[in-house]
Amino acid sequence: MGHQEQIDILKGAILLEHRGRALYASVAASQAKEPVRELFQLLAREEEQHIEVLSRQYASLTQGGSFKLPDLDVADQEAVEQTLTARILQEITAAGYEAAVISAALDFEKKAVEYYSQRARAADDENERRLYQWLADWETTHMTLFAEMDDHLREEIWYDNQFWPLD
């Protein structure tokens, strides 16, 4: 993979993270329901961290350097996200705005995971591969969270509308 291609991929990744941050910040700002607002504020902060990591890599590459990674430990947000998820599912309706946002966020995260996974597989540079795999893993946690909520809300709609098959 050429140097310019690496830079172009980083630009795409930074743009992707900016879009995710904008989506999550917008949802957080418009939410009256506290658990929904808290979750999307958390996600917006995580996307901001990704932008910072990617921007440092971009600066290094455009100055003739190489990928220089910080410690890429994934923060353990699972307990926080599970608590917020349970509270969100108690407070929102399956046919409401929040449910639509969760579905849209799930689609966004699927695209992010695909983008980063492809880049991790194609990277020749080990640090570049590690960076994109780290991002793919992180976004997979978001995708899984939204998928679980989306499944729960879909089943709620089916139940409320008696879509279940009769015995």
Protein backbone atom coordinates (compact mmCIF):
# COMPACT_ATOMS: atom_id res chain seq x y z
CA MET A 1 0.00 0.00 0.00
CA GLY A 2 1.49 3.35 -1.03
CA HIS A 3 2.08 6.30 1.26
CA GLN A 4 -0.61 8.45 -0.42
CA GLU A 5 -3.11 5.59 -0.20
CA GLN A 6 -2.42 5.30 3.54
CA ILE A 7 -3.07 9.04 3.90
CA ASP A 8 -6.29 8.80 1.89
CA ILE A 9 -7.50 5.91 4.04
CA LEU A 10 -6.75 7.93 7.18
CA LYS A 11 -8.73 10.86 5.76
CA GLY A 12 -11.67 8.51 5.18
CA ALA A 13 -11.36 7.15 8.72
CA ILE A 14 -11.25 10.64 10.24
CA LEU A 15 -14.32 11.65 8.22
CA LEU A 16 -16.14 8.51 9.36
CA GLU A 17 -15.37 9.29 13.01
CA HIS A 18 -16.48 12.92 12.59
CA ARG A 19 -19.79 11.72 11.17
CA GLY A 20 -20.26 9.29 14.06
CA ARG A 21 -19.44 11.97 16.60
CA ALA A 22 -21.86 14.40 14.93
CA LEU A 23 -24.64 11.79 14.89
CA TYR A 24 -24.15 10.83 18.53
CA ALA A 25 -23.73 14.43 19.76
CA SER A 26 -26.88 15.46 17.90
CA VAL A 27 -28.91 12.65 19.43
CA ALA A 28 -27.54 13.44 22.91
CA ALA A 29 -28.40 17.12 22.55
CA SER A 30 -31.97 16.39 21.47
CA GLN A 31 -32.83 13.80 24.13
CA ALA A 32 -34.95 14.47 27.17
CA LYS A 33 -34.59 10.87 28.36
CA GLU A 34 -31.49 10.75 30.53
CA PRO A 35 -30.19 7.21 29.78
CA VAL A 36 -30.41 7.80 26.02
CA ARG A 37 -28.62 11.12 26.38
CA GLU A 38 -25.92 9.53 28.59
CA LEU A 39 -25.26 6.70 26.16
CA PHE A 40 -24.95 8.96 23.14
CA GLN A 41 -22.74 11.42 25.06
CA LEU A 42 -20.45 8.50 25.94
CA LEU A 43 -20.35 7.35 22.32
CA ALA A 44 -19.64 10.89 21.07
CA ARG A 45 -16.68 11.11 23.49
CA GLU A 46 -15.34 7.78 22.26
CA GLU A 47 -15.55 8.92 18.64
CA GLU A 48 -13.67 12.09 19.64
CA GLN A 49 -10.88 9.92 21.09
CA HIS A 50 -10.72 8.00 17.81
CA ILE A 51 -10.44 11.28 15.88
CA GLU A 52 -7.50 12.32 18.07
CA VAL A 53 -5.67 9.01 17.52
CA LEU A 54 -6.29 9.11 13.76
CA SER A 55 -5.31 12.77 13.50
CA ARG A 56 -1.95 12.06 15.15
CA GLN A 57 -1.32 9.28 12.61
CA TYR A 58 -2.32 11.60 9.77
CA ALA A 59 0.09 14.30 11.00
CA SER A 60 2.90 11.77 11.26
CA LEU A 61 2.34 10.38 7.75
CA THR A 62 1.97 13.78 6.06
CA GLN A 63 5.29 14.85 7.62
CA GLY A 64 7.04 11.83 6.13
CA GLY A 65 6.84 9.69 9.24
CA SER A 66 5.13 6.40 9.86
CA PHE A 67 2.35 5.04 12.05
CA LYS A 68 3.23 5.69 15.69
CA LEU A 69 0.62 4.18 17.91
CA PRO A 70 -0.22 5.06 21.47
CA ASP A 71 -1.30 2.32 23.86
CA LEU A 72 -4.44 1.00 22.18
CA ASP A 73 -6.17 -0.65 25.11
CA VAL A 74 -9.92 -0.73 24.69
CA ALA A 75 -11.54 0.87 27.71
CA ASP A 76 -13.87 -1.44 29.58
CA GLN A 77 -17.19 0.27 28.91
CA GLU A 78 -19.20 -2.95 28.96
CA ALA A 79 -20.64 -2.48 32.47
CA VAL A 80 -21.54 1.15 31.78
CA GLU A 81 -23.13 0.29 28.44
CA GLN A 82 -25.09 -2.64 29.89
CA THR A 83 -26.49 -0.46 32.67
CA LEU A 84 -27.45 2.27 30.22
CA THR A 85 -28.94 -0.28 27.83
CA ALA A 86 -31.21 -1.72 30.50
CA ARG A 87 -32.38 1.77 31.51
CA ILE A 88 -32.91 2.82 27.89
CA LEU A 89 -34.99 -0.23 27.07
CA GLN A 90 -37.23 0.47 30.07
CA GLU A 91 -37.88 4.04 28.99
CA ILE A 92 -38.31 4.02 25.22
CA THR A 93 -41.02 2.69 22.99
CA ALA A 94 -40.20 0.43 20.08
CA ALA A 95 -41.95 2.68 17.57
CA GLY A 96 -40.53 5.98 18.84
CA TYR A 97 -37.75 8.34 17.80
CA GLU A 98 -35.15 6.72 20.03
CA ALA A 99 -35.75 3.31 18.47
CA ALA A 100 -35.29 4.82 15.00
CA VAL A 101 -32.02 6.43 16.13
CA ILE A 102 -30.78 3.11 17.50
CA SER A 103 -31.51 1.46 14.16
CA ALA A 104 -29.67 4.24 12.29
CA ALA A 105 -26.71 4.01 14.69
CA LEU A 106 -26.58 0.24 14.11
CA ASP A 107 -26.30 0.80 10.34
CA PHE A 108 -23.58 3.40 10.88
CA GLU A 109 -21.56 1.09 13.13
CA LYS A 110 -21.84 -1.80 10.65
CA LYS A 111 -20.28 0.44 7.99
CA ALA A 112 -17.51 1.53 10.36
CA VAL A 113 -16.66 -2.07 11.30
CA GLU A 114 -16.56 -3.05 7.63
CA TYR A 115 -14.32 -0.08 6.71
CA TYR A 116 -11.83 -0.71 9.50
CA SER A 117 -11.81 -4.50 9.07
CA GLN A 118 -11.05 -4.14 5.36
CA ARG A 119 -8.21 -1.73 6.12
CA ALA A 120 -6.77 -4.04 8.79
CA ARG A 121 -6.71 -6.95 6.32
CA ALA A 122 -5.12 -4.86 3.54
CA ALA A 123 -2.44 -3.12 5.62
CA ASP A 124 1.18 -4.11 5.05
CA ASP A 125 2.48 -2.04 7.97
CA GLU A 126 1.99 -3.82 11.33
CA ASN A 127 1.20 -0.60 13.22
CA GLU A 128 -1.32 0.38 10.59
CA ARG A 129 -2.93 -3.07 10.82
CA ARG A 130 -3.08 -2.82 14.63
CA LEU A 131 -4.65 0.64 14.45
CA TYR A 132 -7.45 -0.44 12.13
CA GLN A 133 -8.04 -3.68 14.01
CA TRP A 134 -8.30 -1.71 17.26
CA LEU A 135 -10.88 0.58 15.66
CA ALA A 136 -12.79 -2.38 14.19
CA ASP A 137 -12.88 -4.06 17.60
CA TRP A 138 -14.04 -0.88 19.33
CA GLU A 139 -16.77 -0.18 16.77
CA THR A 140 -17.84 -3.83 17.00
CA THR A 141 -18.68 -3.25 20.66
CA HIS A 142 -20.90 -0.35 19.61
CA MET A 143 -22.46 -2.41 16.82
CA THR A 144 -23.21 -5.27 19.21
CA LEU A 145 -24.79 -2.89 21.71
CA PHE A 146 -27.08 -1.37 19.09
CA ALA A 147 -27.90 -4.78 17.58
CA GLU A 148 -29.03 -6.10 20.96
CA MET A 149 -31.20 -3.04 21.59
CA ASP A 150 -32.61 -3.15 18.06
CA ASP A 151 -33.51 -6.85 18.43
CA HIS A 152 -35.23 -6.20 21.75
CA LEU A 153 -37.24 -3.30 20.33
CA ARG A 154 -38.23 -5.28 17.24
CA GLU A 155 -39.54 -8.10 19.41
CA GLU A 156 -41.45 -5.56 21.48
CA ILE A 157 -43.19 -4.26 18.34
CA TRP A 158 -43.98 -7.80 17.25
CA TYR A 159 -45.43 -8.58 20.65
CA ASP A 160 -47.42 -5.34 20.89
CA ASN A 161 -48.87 -5.89 17.42
CA GLN A 162 -49.41 -9.63 17.89
CA PHE A 163 -47.11 -10.55 15.01
CA TRP A 164 -46.07 -13.78 16.73
CA PRO A 165 -47.39 -16.93 15.13
CA LEU A 166 -50.26 -18.58 16.96
CA ASP A 167 -49.87 -22.10 18.30
